[in-house]
């Protein structure tokens, strides 16, 4: 818990969201998998908005690892809506 708080205080989320903009599906998948491990209380509304915007940016759902990236984003959003323990 302390390590996670220190990482959050030092810009972990901002760095991950910057890397999320890369065109590589493998990198995006790794980033959303990292974001999936973060407690939803550590994600602010701006970051959630970026995830939703990213969902809307995909045009070819069958390309590369797009489905996996989208599935992980949906799991993150589900944790936010339903709750962490669900």
N, C-alpha and C. Protein backbone atom coordinates (compact mmCIF):
# COMPACT_ATOMS: atom_id res chain seq x y z
N UNK A 1 0.83 -1.19 0.00
CA UNK A 1 0.00 0.00 0.00
C UNK A 1 0.88 1.26 0.00
N UNK A 2 1.93 1.23 0.80
CA UNK A 2 2.82 2.38 0.88
C UNK A 2 3.56 2.61 -0.44
N UNK A 3 4.01 1.52 -1.06
CA UNK A 3 4.70 1.63 -2.35
C UNK A 3 3.77 2.20 -3.40
N UNK A 4 2.53 1.71 -3.42
CA UNK A 4 1.56 2.20 -4.39
C UNK A 4 1.30 3.69 -4.19
N UNK A 5 1.18 4.12 -2.94
CA UNK A 5 0.95 5.54 -2.66
C UNK A 5 2.15 6.38 -3.11
N UNK A 6 3.35 5.89 -2.84
CA UNK A 6 4.55 6.62 -3.26
C UNK A 6 4.62 6.74 -4.78
N UNK A 7 4.31 5.65 -5.47
CA UNK A 7 4.29 5.70 -6.94
C UNK A 7 3.24 6.68 -7.44
N UNK A 8 2.07 6.67 -6.80
CA UNK A 8 1.00 7.59 -7.20
C UNK A 8 1.42 9.03 -6.95
N UNK A 9 2.05 9.28 -5.81
CA UNK A 9 2.50 10.63 -5.48
C UNK A 9 3.58 11.14 -6.44
N UNK A 10 4.29 10.22 -7.08
CA UNK A 10 5.39 10.60 -7.97
C UNK A 10 5.03 10.50 -9.45
N UNK A 11 3.75 10.48 -9.76
CA UNK A 11 3.32 10.59 -11.14
C UNK A 11 3.22 9.30 -11.93
N UNK A 12 3.05 8.18 -11.25
CA UNK A 12 2.93 6.90 -11.95
C UNK A 12 1.83 6.94 -13.00
N UNK A 13 0.66 7.41 -12.61
CA UNK A 13 -0.48 7.40 -13.53
C UNK A 13 -0.24 8.29 -14.74
N UNK A 14 0.34 9.47 -14.51
CA UNK A 14 0.62 10.37 -15.63
C UNK A 14 1.58 9.72 -16.63
N UNK A 15 2.61 9.07 -16.09
CA UNK A 15 3.58 8.41 -16.97
C UNK A 15 2.92 7.29 -17.77
N UNK A 16 2.08 6.51 -17.11
CA UNK A 16 1.40 5.41 -17.81
C UNK A 16 0.48 5.94 -18.91
N UNK A 17 -0.22 7.04 -18.63
CA UNK A 17 -1.13 7.58 -19.63
C UNK A 17 -0.37 8.20 -20.81
N UNK A 18 0.81 8.73 -20.57
CA UNK A 18 1.64 9.23 -21.67
C UNK A 18 2.06 8.07 -22.56
N UNK A 19 2.49 6.97 -21.94
CA UNK A 19 2.92 5.79 -22.70
C UNK A 19 1.74 5.15 -23.41
N UNK A 20 0.55 5.28 -22.85
CA UNK A 20 -0.65 4.71 -23.45
C UNK A 20 -0.92 5.28 -24.85
N UNK A 21 -0.38 6.43 -25.13
CA UNK A 21 -0.59 7.07 -26.44
C UNK A 21 0.29 6.47 -27.54
N UNK A 22 1.17 5.56 -27.20
CA UNK A 22 2.05 4.95 -28.20
C UNK A 22 1.24 4.13 -29.20
N UNK A 23 1.69 4.02 -30.44
CA UNK A 23 0.92 3.25 -31.42
C UNK A 23 1.07 1.73 -31.28
N UNK A 24 1.92 1.25 -30.40
CA UNK A 24 2.14 -0.19 -30.25
C UNK A 24 1.05 -0.83 -29.39
N UNK A 25 0.36 -1.82 -29.96
CA UNK A 25 -0.66 -2.55 -29.21
C UNK A 25 -0.08 -3.27 -28.00
N UNK A 26 1.11 -3.81 -28.15
CA UNK A 26 1.74 -4.55 -27.05
C UNK A 26 2.03 -3.61 -25.87
N UNK A 27 2.48 -2.40 -26.18
CA UNK A 27 2.75 -1.42 -25.12
C UNK A 27 1.45 -0.99 -24.47
N UNK A 28 0.44 -0.69 -25.28
CA UNK A 28 -0.86 -0.29 -24.73
C UNK A 28 -1.45 -1.38 -23.85
N UNK A 29 -1.32 -2.63 -24.28
CA UNK A 29 -1.82 -3.74 -23.49
C UNK A 29 -1.09 -3.82 -22.15
N UNK A 30 0.22 -3.66 -22.17
CA UNK A 30 1.00 -3.68 -20.92
C UNK A 30 0.56 -2.55 -19.99
N UNK A 31 0.31 -1.37 -20.56
CA UNK A 31 -0.10 -0.22 -19.74
C UNK A 31 -1.47 -0.47 -19.10
N UNK A 32 -2.44 -0.93 -19.88
CA UNK A 32 -3.77 -1.14 -19.29
C UNK A 32 -3.75 -2.28 -18.28
N UNK A 33 -2.86 -3.25 -18.47
CA UNK A 33 -2.72 -4.30 -17.46
C UNK A 33 -2.15 -3.73 -16.17
N UNK A 34 -1.22 -2.79 -16.28
CA UNK A 34 -0.70 -2.10 -15.09
C UNK A 34 -1.81 -1.28 -14.43
N UNK A 35 -2.56 -0.54 -15.24
CA UNK A 35 -3.64 0.28 -14.70
C UNK A 35 -4.70 -0.57 -14.01
N UNK A 36 -4.88 -1.78 -14.49
CA UNK A 36 -5.87 -2.68 -13.90
C UNK A 36 -5.49 -3.06 -12.46
N UNK A 37 -4.21 -3.01 -12.13
CA UNK A 37 -3.78 -3.37 -10.78
C UNK A 37 -3.87 -2.20 -9.79
N UNK A 38 -4.06 -1.01 -10.32
CA UNK A 38 -4.14 0.18 -9.47
C UNK A 38 -5.53 0.26 -8.82
N UNK A 39 -5.56 0.63 -7.56
CA UNK A 39 -6.85 0.83 -6.89
C UNK A 39 -7.59 1.97 -7.57
N UNK A 40 -8.88 1.77 -7.79
CA UNK A 40 -9.66 2.78 -8.52
C UNK A 40 -9.71 4.11 -7.77
N UNK A 41 -9.51 4.09 -6.48
CA UNK A 41 -9.50 5.34 -5.72
C UNK A 41 -8.32 6.22 -6.10
N UNK A 42 -7.31 5.63 -6.76
CA UNK A 42 -6.14 6.39 -7.17
C UNK A 42 -6.26 6.93 -8.59
N UNK A 43 -7.36 6.63 -9.26
CA UNK A 43 -7.60 7.17 -10.59
C UNK A 43 -8.55 8.36 -10.47
N UNK A 44 -8.17 9.49 -11.05
CA UNK A 44 -9.05 10.65 -10.98
C UNK A 44 -9.95 10.71 -12.21
N UNK A 45 -10.87 11.64 -12.22
CA UNK A 45 -11.85 11.71 -13.30
C UNK A 45 -11.20 12.01 -14.65
N UNK A 46 -10.11 12.77 -14.65
CA UNK A 46 -9.40 13.07 -15.89
C UNK A 46 -8.82 11.79 -16.50
N UNK A 47 -8.27 10.93 -15.66
CA UNK A 47 -7.70 9.67 -16.15
C UNK A 47 -8.78 8.72 -16.65
N UNK A 48 -9.89 8.70 -15.94
CA UNK A 48 -11.02 7.87 -16.39
C UNK A 48 -11.52 8.39 -17.74
N UNK A 49 -11.58 9.69 -17.89
CA UNK A 49 -11.97 10.29 -19.16
C UNK A 49 -11.04 9.89 -20.30
N UNK A 50 -9.74 9.81 -20.00
CA UNK A 50 -8.77 9.39 -21.02
C UNK A 50 -9.03 7.96 -21.45
N UNK A 51 -9.39 7.10 -20.50
CA UNK A 51 -9.71 5.70 -20.84
C UNK A 51 -10.94 5.63 -21.73
N UNK A 52 -11.96 6.40 -21.40
CA UNK A 52 -13.19 6.40 -22.20
C UNK A 52 -12.90 6.94 -23.60
N UNK A 53 -12.11 8.00 -23.68
CA UNK A 53 -11.73 8.56 -24.98
C UNK A 53 -10.96 7.55 -25.80
N UNK A 54 -10.07 6.82 -25.15
CA UNK A 54 -9.30 5.80 -25.86
C UNK A 54 -10.22 4.73 -26.43
N UNK A 55 -11.25 4.34 -25.68
CA UNK A 55 -12.21 3.37 -26.19
C UNK A 55 -12.85 3.85 -27.49
N UNK A 56 -13.19 5.12 -27.53
CA UNK A 56 -13.84 5.68 -28.70
C UNK A 56 -12.92 5.89 -29.88
N UNK A 57 -11.62 5.77 -29.65
CA UNK A 57 -10.67 6.03 -30.73
C UNK A 57 -10.40 4.81 -31.61
N UNK A 58 -10.79 3.65 -31.14
CA UNK A 58 -10.52 2.43 -31.92
C UNK A 58 -11.49 2.29 -33.07
N UNK A 59 -10.97 1.97 -34.25
CA UNK A 59 -11.79 1.81 -35.44
C UNK A 59 -11.83 0.36 -35.90
N UNK A 60 -10.72 -0.35 -35.76
CA UNK A 60 -10.63 -1.73 -36.22
C UNK A 60 -10.43 -2.64 -35.01
N UNK A 61 -11.52 -3.17 -34.49
CA UNK A 61 -11.47 -3.95 -33.26
C UNK A 61 -10.71 -5.25 -33.40
N UNK A 62 -10.56 -5.75 -34.60
CA UNK A 62 -9.88 -7.02 -34.81
C UNK A 62 -8.38 -6.89 -35.04
N UNK A 63 -7.88 -5.67 -35.08
CA UNK A 63 -6.46 -5.46 -35.38
C UNK A 63 -5.59 -5.68 -34.15
N UNK A 64 -4.52 -6.41 -34.32
CA UNK A 64 -3.54 -6.60 -33.26
C UNK A 64 -4.14 -7.05 -31.94
N UNK A 65 -3.76 -6.36 -30.90
CA UNK A 65 -4.22 -6.68 -29.53
C UNK A 65 -5.35 -5.75 -29.09
N UNK A 66 -6.03 -5.13 -30.05
CA UNK A 66 -7.07 -4.16 -29.73
C UNK A 66 -8.13 -4.73 -28.80
N UNK A 67 -8.60 -5.94 -29.10
CA UNK A 67 -9.64 -6.55 -28.26
C UNK A 67 -9.18 -6.70 -26.82
N UNK A 68 -7.94 -7.10 -26.62
CA UNK A 68 -7.41 -7.28 -25.27
C UNK A 68 -7.28 -5.94 -24.54
N UNK A 69 -6.83 -4.92 -25.27
CA UNK A 69 -6.71 -3.59 -24.68
C UNK A 69 -8.09 -3.10 -24.24
N UNK A 70 -9.06 -3.23 -25.12
CA UNK A 70 -10.43 -2.80 -24.82
C UNK A 70 -11.00 -3.60 -23.65
N UNK A 71 -10.77 -4.89 -23.62
CA UNK A 71 -11.28 -5.73 -22.53
C UNK A 71 -10.70 -5.27 -21.19
N UNK A 72 -9.42 -4.95 -21.15
CA UNK A 72 -8.81 -4.48 -19.91
C UNK A 72 -9.36 -3.12 -19.49
N UNK A 73 -9.56 -2.23 -20.46
CA UNK A 73 -10.15 -0.92 -20.14
C UNK A 73 -11.55 -1.11 -19.58
N UNK A 74 -12.31 -2.00 -20.18
CA UNK A 74 -13.67 -2.27 -19.68
C UNK A 74 -13.64 -2.84 -18.26
N UNK A 75 -12.65 -3.68 -17.95
CA UNK A 75 -12.52 -4.20 -16.58
C UNK A 75 -12.21 -3.08 -15.60
N UNK A 76 -11.36 -2.14 -16.00
CA UNK A 76 -11.04 -1.00 -15.14
C UNK A 76 -12.30 -0.18 -14.89
N UNK A 77 -13.03 0.13 -15.96
CA UNK A 77 -14.25 0.93 -15.82
C UNK A 77 -15.31 0.20 -15.00
N UNK A 78 -15.38 -1.12 -15.15
CA UNK A 78 -16.31 -1.91 -14.35
C UNK A 78 -15.96 -1.83 -12.87
N UNK A 79 -14.65 -1.90 -12.55
CA UNK A 79 -14.22 -1.77 -11.15
C UNK A 79 -14.64 -0.42 -10.58
N UNK A 80 -14.59 0.61 -11.41
CA UNK A 80 -14.97 1.95 -10.95
C UNK A 80 -16.47 2.01 -10.66
N UNK A 81 -17.26 1.45 -11.56
CA UNK A 81 -18.72 1.53 -11.43
C UNK A 81 -19.26 0.58 -10.36
N UNK A 82 -18.81 -0.65 -10.40
CA UNK A 82 -19.36 -1.68 -9.51
C UNK A 82 -18.67 -1.70 -8.16
N UNK A 83 -17.39 -1.43 -8.17
CA UNK A 83 -16.64 -1.45 -6.93
C UNK A 83 -15.42 -2.33 -7.04
N UNK A 84 -14.46 -2.04 -6.23
CA UNK A 84 -13.15 -2.70 -6.28
C UNK A 84 -13.24 -4.20 -6.02
N UNK A 85 -14.09 -4.63 -5.10
CA UNK A 85 -14.09 -6.03 -4.67
C UNK A 85 -14.93 -6.94 -5.53
N UNK A 86 -15.66 -6.39 -6.49
CA UNK A 86 -16.56 -7.20 -7.31
C UNK A 86 -15.81 -8.04 -8.30
